[in-house]
C-alpha atoms as a PDB file:
ATOM      1  CA  MET A   1     -73.784  -6.045  45.002  1.00  0.00           C
ATOM      2  CA  THR A   2     -74.784  -5.124  41.502  1.00  0.00           C
ATOM      3  CA  SER A   3     -72.569  -6.013  38.181  1.00  0.00           C
ATOM      4  CA  GLY A   4     -71.817  -2.341  38.092  1.00  0.00           C
ATOM      5  CA  SER A   5     -70.567  -1.977  41.624  1.00  0.00           C
ATOM      6  CA  ALA A   6     -68.483  -5.110  41.207  1.00  0.00           C
ATOM      7  CA  GLN A   7     -66.915  -3.706  37.884  1.00  0.00           C
ATOM      8  CA  SER A   8     -65.981  -0.392  39.801  1.00  0.00           C
ATOM      9  CA  GLY A   9     -64.145  -2.276  42.197  1.00  0.00           C
ATOM     10  CA  ARG A  10     -61.701  -3.609  39.604  1.00  0.00           C
ATOM     11  CA  SER A  11     -58.270  -2.172  39.734  1.00  0.00           C
ATOM     12  CA  ARG A  12     -55.743  -1.889  36.870  1.00  0.00           C
ATOM     13  CA  CYS A  13     -52.393  -3.890  37.012  1.00  0.00           C
ATOM     14  CA  VAL A  14     -49.077  -3.428  35.454  1.00  0.00           C
ATOM     15  CA  LEU A  15     -46.940  -6.521  34.010  1.00  0.00           C
ATOM     16  CA  PHE A  16     -43.314  -5.864  33.305  1.00  0.00           C
ATOM     17  CA  ASP A  17     -40.860  -7.626  31.377  1.00  0.00           C
ATOM     18  CA  VAL A  18     -37.425  -7.413  33.117  1.00  0.00           C
ATOM     19  CA  ASP A  19     -34.310  -7.678  30.972  1.00  0.00           C
ATOM     20  CA  GLY A  20     -34.274  -4.687  28.504  1.00  0.00           C
ATOM     21  CA  THR A  21     -37.369  -3.127  30.039  1.00  0.00           C
ATOM     22  CA  LEU A  22     -36.633  -2.308  33.946  1.00  0.00           C
ATOM     23  CA  MET A  23     -32.740  -3.419  33.731  1.00  0.00           C
ATOM     24  CA  ASP A  24     -30.018  -3.315  31.298  1.00  0.00           C
ATOM     25  CA  ALA A  25     -28.622  -6.843  31.018  1.00  0.00           C
ATOM     26  CA  VAL A  26     -27.533  -6.875  27.521  1.00  0.00           C
ATOM     27  CA  SER A  27     -23.658  -6.410  28.540  1.00  0.00           C
ATOM     28  CA  ASN A  28     -24.074  -9.285  30.995  1.00  0.00           C
ATOM     29  CA  GLN A  29     -25.667 -11.529  28.607  1.00  0.00           C
ATOM     30  CA  ARG A  30     -23.061 -10.885  26.189  1.00  0.00           C
ATOM     31  CA  GLN A  31     -20.358 -11.661  28.846  1.00  0.00           C
ATOM     32  CA  VAL A  32     -21.959 -14.907  29.900  1.00  0.00           C
ATOM     33  CA  TRP A  33     -22.407 -16.213  26.414  1.00  0.00           C
ATOM     34  CA  ARG A  34     -18.678 -15.185  25.460  1.00  0.00           C
ATOM     35  CA  ALA A  35     -17.629 -17.193  28.388  1.00  0.00           C
ATOM     36  CA  TRP A  36     -19.804 -20.057  27.356  1.00  0.00           C
ATOM     37  CA  ALA A  37     -18.476 -19.997  23.844  1.00  0.00           C
ATOM     38  CA  LYS A  38     -14.871 -19.991  25.328  1.00  0.00           C
ATOM     39  CA  ARG A  39     -15.691 -22.932  27.244  1.00  0.00           C
ATOM     40  CA  TYR A  40     -16.576 -24.914  24.213  1.00  0.00           C
ATOM     41  CA  GLY A  41     -14.127 -23.629  21.771  1.00  0.00           C
ATOM     42  CA  LEU A  42     -16.572 -21.524  19.703  1.00  0.00           C
ATOM     43  CA  ASP A  43     -16.405 -18.135  18.120  1.00  0.00           C
ATOM     44  CA  ALA A  44     -17.538 -15.678  20.703  1.00  0.00           C
ATOM     45  CA  ASP A  45     -18.909 -13.192  18.296  1.00  0.00           C
ATOM     46  CA  GLU A  46     -20.776 -15.589  16.133  1.00  0.00           C
ATOM     47  CA  VAL A  47     -22.308 -17.242  19.173  1.00  0.00           C
ATOM     48  CA  CYS A  48     -23.590 -13.746  20.773  1.00  0.00           C
ATOM     49  CA  GLN A  49     -24.900 -12.826  17.223  1.00  0.00           C
ATOM     50  CA  VAL A  50     -27.384 -15.813  17.594  1.00  0.00           C
ATOM     51  CA  ALA A  51     -27.836 -15.964  21.300  1.00  0.00           C
ATOM     52  CA  LEU A  52     -29.035 -12.464  21.924  1.00  0.00           C
ATOM     53  CA  ARG A  53     -31.815 -13.104  19.320  1.00  0.00           C
ATOM     54  CA  THR A  54     -32.909 -16.691  20.260  1.00  0.00           C
ATOM     55  CA  ARG A  55     -33.811 -18.877  23.123  1.00  0.00           C
ATOM     56  CA  PRO A  56     -30.721 -21.111  24.695  1.00  0.00           C
ATOM     57  CA  MET A  57     -31.846 -24.346  23.098  1.00  0.00           C
ATOM     58  CA  GLU A  58     -32.222 -22.824  19.680  1.00  0.00           C
ATOM     59  CA  THR A  59     -28.768 -21.253  20.000  1.00  0.00           C
ATOM     60  CA  PHE A  60     -27.105 -24.442  20.958  1.00  0.00           C
ATOM     61  CA  ALA A  61     -28.848 -26.096  17.836  1.00  0.00           C
ATOM     62  CA  ALA A  62     -27.441 -23.369  15.472  1.00  0.00           C
ATOM     63  CA  VAL A  63     -23.833 -22.947  16.944  1.00  0.00           C
ATOM     64  CA  SER A  64     -22.978 -26.402  18.517  1.00  0.00           C
ATOM     65  CA  GLY A  65     -25.303 -28.774  16.938  1.00  0.00           C
ATOM     66  CA  ASN A  66     -22.634 -31.741  17.824  1.00  0.00           C
ATOM     67  CA  LEU A  67     -22.917 -31.196  21.628  1.00  0.00           C
ATOM     68  CA  ASP A  68     -25.320 -32.470  24.132  1.00  0.00           C
ATOM     69  CA  PRO A  69     -27.712 -29.355  24.449  1.00  0.00           C
ATOM     70  CA  HIS A  70     -28.743 -30.303  28.147  1.00  0.00           C
ATOM     71  CA  GLU A  71     -24.988 -30.284  29.045  1.00  0.00           C
ATOM     72  CA  CYS A  72     -24.795 -26.898  27.293  1.00  0.00           C
ATOM     73  CA  LEU A  73     -27.822 -25.550  29.190  1.00  0.00           C
ATOM     74  CA  ALA A  74     -26.420 -26.742  32.445  1.00  0.00           C
ATOM     75  CA  ALA A  75     -23.147 -25.005  31.657  1.00  0.00           C
ATOM     76  CA  LEU A  76     -24.790 -21.850  30.874  1.00  0.00           C
ATOM     77  CA  HIS A  77     -27.057 -21.986  33.763  1.00  0.00           C
ATOM     78  CA  GLU A  78     -23.932 -22.118  35.909  1.00  0.00           C
ATOM     79  CA  LEU A  79     -22.301 -19.263  34.349  1.00  0.00           C
ATOM     80  CA  GLU A  80     -25.491 -17.208  34.623  1.00  0.00           C
ATOM     81  CA  ASP A  81     -25.892 -17.989  38.428  1.00  0.00           C
ATOM     82  CA  GLU A  82     -22.116 -16.566  38.977  1.00  0.00           C
ATOM     83  CA  ASP A  83     -22.825 -13.593  36.958  1.00  0.00           C
ATOM     84  CA  VAL A  84     -25.914 -12.870  39.269  1.00  0.00           C
ATOM     85  CA  ARG A  85     -23.462 -13.093  42.133  1.00  0.00           C
ATOM     86  CA  SER A  86     -20.706 -11.144  40.778  1.00  0.00           C
ATOM     87  CA  GLY A  87     -21.906  -9.140  37.694  1.00  0.00           C
ATOM     88  CA  VAL A  88     -22.758  -5.539  37.687  1.00  0.00           C
ATOM     89  CA  TYR A  89     -26.270  -4.658  37.071  1.00  0.00           C
ATOM     90  CA  ALA A  90     -27.985  -1.313  36.271  1.00  0.00           C
ATOM     91  CA  ALA A  91     -31.723  -0.572  36.707  1.00  0.00           C
ATOM     92  CA  PHE A  92     -33.016   1.879  33.876  1.00  0.00           C
ATOM     93  CA  ASP A  93     -33.557   5.432  34.835  1.00  0.00           C
ATOM     94  CA  GLY A  94     -37.155   5.693  36.486  1.00  0.00           C
ATOM     95  CA  ALA A  95     -37.324   2.129  37.396  1.00  0.00           C
ATOM     96  CA  SER A  96     -37.106   2.513  40.976  1.00  0.00           C
ATOM     97  CA  GLU A  97     -39.280   5.542  41.172  1.00  0.00           C
ATOM     98  CA  LEU A  98     -42.135   3.551  39.222  1.00  0.00           C
ATOM     99  CA  LEU A  99     -42.178   0.262  41.017  1.00  0.00           C
ATOM    100  CA  SER A 100     -42.130   2.219  44.315  1.00  0.00           C
ATOM    101  CA  GLY A 101     -44.942   4.324  43.111  1.00  0.00           C
ATOM    102  CA  LEU A 102     -47.286   1.252  42.324  1.00  0.00           C
ATOM    103  CA  PRO A 103     -49.433  -0.313  44.885  1.00  0.00           C
ATOM    104  CA  THR A 104     -47.859  -3.823  45.948  1.00  0.00           C
ATOM    105  CA  ALA A 105     -50.666  -5.924  44.753  1.00  0.00           C
ATOM    106  CA  SER A 106     -51.088  -4.276  41.449  1.00  0.00           C
ATOM    107  CA  TRP A 107     -47.919  -5.268  39.583  1.00  0.00           C
ATOM    108  CA  ALA A 108     -46.027  -8.247  38.674  1.00  0.00           C
ATOM    109  CA  LEU A 109     -42.912  -9.445  36.635  1.00  0.00           C
ATOM    110  CA  VAL A 110     -42.992 -11.617  33.522  1.00  0.00           C
ATOM    111  CA  THR A 111     -39.669 -12.961  32.394  1.00  0.00           C
ATOM    112  CA  SER A 112     -38.099 -15.659  30.350  1.00  0.00           C
ATOM    113  CA  ASN A 113     -35.323 -15.870  32.851  1.00  0.00           C
ATOM    114  CA  TYR A 114     -35.745 -17.794  36.410  1.00  0.00           C
ATOM    115  CA  GLU A 115     -37.068 -16.238  39.543  1.00  0.00           C
ATOM    116  CA  HIS A 116     -34.050 -16.696  41.706  1.00  0.00           C
ATOM    117  CA  ARG A 117     -31.726 -14.787  39.137  1.00  0.00           C
ATOM    118  CA  VAL A 118     -34.282 -12.098  39.062  1.00  0.00           C
ATOM    119  CA  ARG A 119     -34.621 -11.679  42.596  1.00  0.00           C
ATOM    120  CA  GLY A 120     -30.578 -11.803  42.954  1.00  0.00           C
ATOM    121  CA  ARG A 121     -30.385  -8.876  40.311  1.00  0.00           C
ATOM    122  CA  PHE A 122     -33.050  -7.060  42.056  1.00  0.00           C
ATOM    123  CA  LEU A 123     -31.198  -7.262  45.251  1.00  0.00           C
ATOM    124  CA  ARG A 124     -28.190  -5.883  43.707  1.00  0.00           C
ATOM    125  CA  THR A 125     -29.900  -2.936  42.033  1.00  0.00           C
ATOM    126  CA  GLY A 126     -32.249  -2.082  45.201  1.00  0.00           C
ATOM    127  CA  LEU A 127     -35.350  -2.331  43.040  1.00  0.00           C
ATOM    128  CA  PRO A 128     -38.503  -3.642  45.045  1.00  0.00           C
ATOM    129  CA  VAL A 129     -39.572  -7.030  44.297  1.00  0.00           C
ATOM    130  CA  PRO A 130     -43.298  -7.816  43.734  1.00  0.00           C
ATOM    131  CA  GLY A 131     -45.272 -10.760  45.139  1.00  0.00           C
ATOM    132  CA  VAL A 132     -45.993 -12.143  41.747  1.00  0.00           C
ATOM    133  CA  ILE A 133     -43.052 -13.409  39.418  1.00  0.00           C
ATOM    134  CA  VAL A 134     -43.978 -15.393  36.367  1.00  0.00           C
ATOM    135  CA  ASP A 135     -40.650 -17.006  35.239  1.00  0.00           C
ATOM    136  CA  ALA A 136     -39.450 -19.720  32.611  1.00  0.00           C
ATOM    137  CA  ALA A 137     -40.284 -22.494  35.387  1.00  0.00           C
ATOM    138  CA  THR A 138     -43.786 -21.309  36.018  1.00  0.00           C
ATOM    139  CA  VAL A 139     -45.186 -21.913  32.334  1.00  0.00           C
ATOM    140  CA  GLU A 140     -44.652 -24.469  29.665  1.00  0.00           C
ATOM    141  CA  GLU A 141     -44.991 -22.062  26.970  1.00  0.00           C
ATOM    142  CA  GLY A 142     -42.996 -18.854  27.072  1.00  0.00           C
ATOM    143  CA  LYS A 143     -43.485 -15.684  24.836  1.00  0.00           C
ATOM    144  CA  PRO A 144     -44.521 -14.903  22.478  1.00  0.00           C
ATOM    145  CA  SER A 145     -47.475 -17.271  23.881  1.00  0.00           C
ATOM    146  CA  PRO A 146     -49.923 -15.521  25.755  1.00  0.00           C
ATOM    147  CA  VAL A 147     -49.835 -17.896  28.553  1.00  0.00           C
ATOM    148  CA  PRO A 148     -46.964 -16.109  30.689  1.00  0.00           C
ATOM    149  CA  TYR A 149     -49.011 -12.747  30.676  1.00  0.00           C
ATOM    150  CA  LEU A 150     -52.397 -14.475  31.345  1.00  0.00           C
ATOM    151  CA  ARG A 151     -50.836 -16.622  34.301  1.00  0.00           C
ATOM    152  CA  ALA A 152     -49.557 -12.950  35.764  1.00  0.00           C
ATOM    153  CA  ALA A 153     -53.065 -11.523  35.362  1.00  0.00           C
ATOM    154  CA  ALA A 154     -54.915 -14.614  37.120  1.00  0.00           C
ATOM    155  CA  ARG A 155     -52.283 -14.555  39.983  1.00  0.00           C
ATOM    156  CA  LEU A 156     -53.231 -10.862  40.476  1.00  0.00           C
ATOM    157  CA  GLY A 157     -56.782 -11.647  40.182  1.00  0.00           C
ATOM    158  CA  ALA A 158     -57.020  -9.250  37.337  1.00  0.00           C
ATOM    159  CA  GLU A 159     -58.791  -9.359  34.003  1.00  0.00           C
ATOM    160  CA  PRO A 160     -56.617  -9.045  30.668  1.00  0.00           C
ATOM    161  CA  GLU A 161     -58.366  -5.880  29.822  1.00  0.00           C
ATOM    162  CA  ASP A 162     -57.326  -4.324  33.028  1.00  0.00           C
ATOM    163  CA  CYS A 163     -53.760  -5.253  32.401  1.00  0.00           C
ATOM    164  CA  LEU A 164     -51.228  -2.939  31.114  1.00  0.00           C
ATOM    165  CA  VAL A 165     -47.976  -4.976  29.642  1.00  0.00           C
ATOM    166  CA  ILE A 166     -44.364  -2.957  29.535  1.00  0.00           C
ATOM    167  CA  GLU A 167     -42.129  -4.349  27.033  1.00  0.00           C
ATOM    168  CA  ASP A 168     -39.228  -3.823  24.861  1.00  0.00           C
ATOM    169  CA  ALA A 169     -38.896  -6.764  22.712  1.00  0.00           C
ATOM    170  CA  PRO A 170     -41.270  -8.293  19.670  1.00  0.00           C
ATOM    171  CA  SER A 171     -41.770 -11.635  21.401  1.00  0.00           C
ATOM    172  CA  GLY A 172     -42.897  -9.960  24.661  1.00  0.00           C
ATOM    173  CA  VAL A 173     -45.044  -7.608  22.946  1.00  0.00           C
ATOM    174  CA  GLN A 174     -46.865 -10.294  20.807  1.00  0.00           C
ATOM    175  CA  SER A 175     -47.364 -12.159  24.122  1.00  0.00           C
ATOM    176  CA  GLY A 176     -49.253  -9.313  25.655  1.00  0.00           C
ATOM    177  CA  LEU A 177     -51.264  -8.594  22.709  1.00  0.00           C
ATOM    178  CA  ARG A 178     -52.480 -12.369  22.382  1.00  0.00           C
ATOM    179  CA  ALA A 179     -53.261 -12.130  25.821  1.00  0.00           C
ATOM    180  CA  GLY A 180     -55.780  -9.216  24.964  1.00  0.00           C
ATOM    181  CA  MET A 181     -53.814  -6.434  27.042  1.00  0.00           C
ATOM    182  CA  THR A 182     -53.117  -3.094  26.516  1.00  0.00           C
ATOM    183  CA  VAL A 183     -49.174  -3.149  25.506  1.00  0.00           C
ATOM    184  CA  TRP A 184     -46.767  -0.200  25.711  1.00  0.00           C
ATOM    185  CA  GLY A 185     -43.209  -0.172  24.325  1.00  0.00           C
ATOM    186  CA  VAL A 186     -40.082   1.224  25.996  1.00  0.00           C
ATOM    187  CA  ASN A 187     -36.253   1.556  25.529  1.00  0.00           C
ATOM    188  CA  ALA A 188     -36.299   1.616  21.691  1.00  0.00           C
ATOM    189  CA  VAL A 189     -35.620   4.126  19.029  1.00  0.00           C
ATOM    190  CA  VAL A 190     -38.197   2.643  16.727  1.00  0.00           C
ATOM    191  CA  ALA A 191     -41.615   1.154  18.100  1.00  0.00           C
ATOM    192  CA  VAL A 192     -41.971  -2.461  17.970  1.00  0.00           C
ATOM    193  CA  GLU A 193     -44.847  -3.420  15.812  1.00  0.00           C
ATOM    194  CA  GLY A 194     -48.251  -3.654  17.636  1.00  0.00           C
ATOM    195  CA  VAL A 195     -47.509  -1.729  20.648  1.00  0.00           C
ATOM    196  CA  HIS A 196     -50.469   0.534  21.402  1.00  0.00           C
ATOM    197  CA  ARG A 197     -48.185   3.283  22.642  1.00  0.00           C
ATOM    198  CA  HIS A 198     -44.218   3.882  22.304  1.00  0.00           C
ATOM    199  CA  PHE A 199     -41.740   5.589  24.662  1.00  0.00           C
ATOM    200  CA  ASP A 200     -38.103   5.892  23.736  1.00  0.00           C
ATOM    201  CA  SER A 201     -37.117   5.288  27.467  1.00  0.00           C
ATOM    202  CA  LEU A 202     -38.586   3.910  30.567  1.00  0.00           C
ATOM    203  CA  ARG A 203     -38.156   7.256  32.149  1.00  0.00           C
ATOM    204  CA  GLU A 204     -40.421   8.897  29.649  1.00  0.00           C
ATOM    205  CA  ALA A 205     -43.037   6.398  30.394  1.00  0.00           C
ATOM    206  CA  VAL A 206     -43.077   6.495  34.122  1.00  0.00           C
ATOM    207  CA  PRO A 207     -45.711   9.194  34.673  1.00  0.00           C
ATOM    208  CA  HIS A 208     -48.022   7.513  31.925  1.00  0.00           C
ATOM    209  CA  ILE A 209     -47.741   4.060  33.672  1.00  0.00           C
ATOM    210  CA  LEU A 210     -48.347   5.479  37.260  1.00  0.00           C
ATOM    211  CA  ALA A 211     -51.510   7.271  35.648  1.00  0.00           C
ATOM    212  CA  PHE A 212     -52.622   4.312  34.117  1.00  0.00           C
ATOM    213  CA  ALA A 213     -52.567   2.144  37.260  1.00  0.00           C
ATOM    214  CA  SER A 214     -54.494   4.687  39.160  1.00  0.00           C
ATOM    215  CA  GLY A 215     -57.190   5.066  36.531  1.00  0.00           C
ATOM    216  CA  PRO A 216     -60.355   3.329  36.185  1.00  0.00           C
ATOM    217  CA  HIS A 217     -60.549  -0.106  34.904  1.00  0.00           C
ATOM    218  CA  GLY A 218     -60.624  -1.018  31.251  1.00  0.00           C
ATOM    219  CA  LYS A 219     -58.111  -1.026  28.400  1.00  0.00           C
ATOM    220  CA  ALA A 220     -56.379   2.406  27.561  1.00  0.00           C
ATOM    221  CA  THR A 221     -54.375   2.650  24.456  1.00  0.00           C
ATOM    222  CA  ALA A 222     -53.828   6.601  24.146  1.00  0.00           C
END
């Protein structure tokens, strides 16, 4: 087989962030953190103000520096697991149509959460689950490091230049860009700095993402 024919067999892949991109979980995150703050006698509003912008360990350091961070994390995980079992989740409009329209082996989830929670949330919303999920336990370096998205591409057998990243947050956008991938932003009024293309909503992006996935290999930014 020649090099050209090998390249023609390459397919594009789509790598999705989860929270804020495919699923609206902000209200759930807020409820979890408020319950966590109440458990430790902290001001819930102040905790949420920090927690929704940073990673858990950074939040603990900022709002509860005198507490054992590992104990804090264990309590947070307990509350998050309970929320997966009993919370109400909503997939963004277009998510089901989009994921169902992609070939099974052509897409993956790249999340800072944990796989069992993602699977639980997807089960509750009826979204299809891909064969590849790169979660917080999969990699030592999280977003904005390129490692999570590079790991997902490798597991799909795809080259970075053949991958499209769908994100809503600055750290995720930077992760995709550093991985050398095409990055599109969704679900934001203002485009995140660096994205190659911006959509106000996931629904607006659906036909464009499906078109990307069915197109020839290589980076597409238009």
